[in-house]
Amino acid sequence: MSGVVINGVYHSEIFGETYVGQNIWAPYMTQALAGTPVEAVSNANIGATTPQRGATPTPTPSASPTSNDH
């Protein structure tokens, strides 16, 4: 969104985390987790099994339409 006023403060652009994440979710979770031990989180690699920096995927050609396709 752009050109938004929230609580009297003008924001030229906002995104999902701009207001909700910083002003609602983060303070709520800080209080909810107060006193709990900090646990390490493993690094997630979603997608490729190994990071492939700089690799450009080769495009796969799609099937050509036939006269029977509608």
C-alpha atoms as a PDB file:
ATOM      1  CA  MET A   1       0.000   0.000   0.000  1.00  0.00           C
ATOM      2  CA  SER A   2       1.171   3.518  -0.491  1.00  0.00           C
ATOM      3  CA  GLY A   3       0.231   6.878   0.971  1.00  0.00           C
ATOM      4  CA  VAL A   4      -1.147   5.489   4.255  1.00  0.00           C
ATOM      5  CA  VAL A   5      -1.601   7.260   7.595  1.00  0.00           C
ATOM      6  CA  ILE A   6      -1.541   4.971  10.658  1.00  0.00           C
ATOM      7  CA  ASN A   7      -2.000   6.474  14.131  1.00  0.00           C
ATOM      8  CA  GLY A   8      -1.300   9.919  12.691  1.00  0.00           C
ATOM      9  CA  VAL A   9       1.975   8.861  11.022  1.00  0.00           C
ATOM     10  CA  TYR A  10       2.261   9.067   7.227  1.00  0.00           C
ATOM     11  CA  HIS A  11       3.890   6.086   5.481  1.00  0.00           C
ATOM     12  CA  SER A  12       4.777   6.467   1.811  1.00  0.00           C
ATOM     13  CA  GLU A  13       4.732   2.655   1.466  1.00  0.00           C
ATOM     14  CA  ILE A  14       3.906  -0.156   3.850  1.00  0.00           C
ATOM     15  CA  PHE A  15       4.168  -3.905   3.563  1.00  0.00           C
ATOM     16  CA  GLY A  16       2.812  -6.721   5.734  1.00  0.00           C
ATOM     17  CA  GLU A  17       5.662  -6.601   8.227  1.00  0.00           C
ATOM     18  CA  THR A  18       5.910  -2.807   8.294  1.00  0.00           C
ATOM     19  CA  TYR A  19       3.183  -2.207  10.829  1.00  0.00           C
ATOM     20  CA  VAL A  20       1.759  -5.543  11.913  1.00  0.00           C
ATOM     21  CA  GLY A  21       5.082  -7.310  12.351  1.00  0.00           C
ATOM     22  CA  GLN A  22       6.885  -4.509  14.159  1.00  0.00           C
ATOM     23  CA  ASN A  23       4.041  -3.102  16.219  1.00  0.00           C
ATOM     24  CA  ILE A  24       1.800  -6.064  16.977  1.00  0.00           C
ATOM     25  CA  TRP A  25       3.426  -9.448  16.369  1.00  0.00           C
ATOM     26  CA  ALA A  26       6.938  -8.761  17.711  1.00  0.00           C
ATOM     27  CA  PRO A  27       5.825  -7.186  21.031  1.00  0.00           C
ATOM     28  CA  TYR A  28       3.191  -9.908  21.514  1.00  0.00           C
ATOM     29  CA  MET A  29       5.686 -12.729  20.936  1.00  0.00           C
ATOM     30  CA  THR A  30       8.290 -11.030  23.149  1.00  0.00           C
ATOM     31  CA  GLN A  31       5.814 -11.120  26.025  1.00  0.00           C
ATOM     32  CA  ALA A  32       4.529 -14.603  25.162  1.00  0.00           C
ATOM     33  CA  LEU A  33       8.047 -16.070  25.173  1.00  0.00           C
ATOM     34  CA  ALA A  34       9.402 -14.111  28.150  1.00  0.00           C
ATOM     35  CA  GLY A  35      11.363 -16.430  30.410  1.00  0.00           C
ATOM     36  CA  THR A  36      11.568 -19.313  27.943  1.00  0.00           C
ATOM     37  CA  PRO A  37      15.010 -20.605  27.004  1.00  0.00           C
ATOM     38  CA  VAL A  38      16.460 -19.583  23.655  1.00  0.00           C
ATOM     39  CA  GLU A  39      16.862 -22.544  21.317  1.00  0.00           C
ATOM     40  CA  ALA A  40      19.060 -22.730  18.237  1.00  0.00           C
ATOM     41  CA  VAL A  41      17.223 -23.084  14.941  1.00  0.00           C
ATOM     42  CA  SER A  42      18.834 -25.081  12.168  1.00  0.00           C
ATOM     43  CA  ASN A  43      19.317 -23.421   8.820  1.00  0.00           C
ATOM     44  CA  ALA A  44      16.597 -24.370   6.387  1.00  0.00           C
ATOM     45  CA  ASN A  45      17.356 -24.867   2.735  1.00  0.00           C
ATOM     46  CA  ILE A  46      14.033 -24.847   0.971  1.00  0.00           C
ATOM     47  CA  GLY A  47      14.201 -25.984  -2.624  1.00  0.00           C
ATOM     48  CA  ALA A  48      17.528 -27.270  -3.921  1.00  0.00           C
ATOM     49  CA  THR A  49      19.298 -29.916  -1.865  1.00  0.00           C
ATOM     50  CA  THR A  50      22.480 -27.834  -1.911  1.00  0.00           C
ATOM     51  CA  PRO A  51      22.816 -24.096  -2.417  1.00  0.00           C
ATOM     52  CA  GLN A  52      23.490 -23.281  -6.040  1.00  0.00           C
ATOM     53  CA  ARG A  53      24.753 -19.736  -6.106  1.00  0.00           C
ATOM     54  CA  GLY A  54      24.918 -18.184  -9.532  1.00  0.00           C
ATOM     55  CA  ALA A  55      23.504 -21.235 -11.292  1.00  0.00           C
ATOM     56  CA  THR A  56      21.061 -20.482 -14.061  1.00  0.00           C
ATOM     57  CA  PRO A  57      18.441 -23.179 -14.589  1.00  0.00           C
ATOM     58  CA  THR A  58      18.044 -24.561 -18.095  1.00  0.00           C
ATOM     59  CA  PRO A  59      14.532 -23.968 -19.410  1.00  0.00           C
ATOM     60  CA  THR A  60      12.487 -27.059 -20.204  1.00  0.00           C
ATOM     61  CA  PRO A  61      10.533 -26.811 -23.447  1.00  0.00           C
ATOM     62  CA  SER A  62       6.787 -27.300 -23.138  1.00  0.00           C
ATOM     63  CA  ALA A  63       4.809 -29.575 -25.418  1.00  0.00           C
ATOM     64  CA  SER A  64       3.560 -28.035 -28.641  1.00  0.00           C
ATOM     65  CA  PRO A  65      -0.210 -27.679 -28.843  1.00  0.00           C
ATOM     66  CA  THR A  66      -2.010 -30.048 -31.179  1.00  0.00           C
ATOM     67  CA  SER A  67      -5.203 -29.498 -33.145  1.00  0.00           C
ATOM     68  CA  ASN A  68      -7.046 -31.602 -30.524  1.00  0.00           C
ATOM     69  CA  ASP A  69      -6.179 -29.195 -27.707  1.00  0.00           C
ATOM     70  CA  HIS A  70      -8.958 -26.778 -26.825  1.00  0.00           C
END
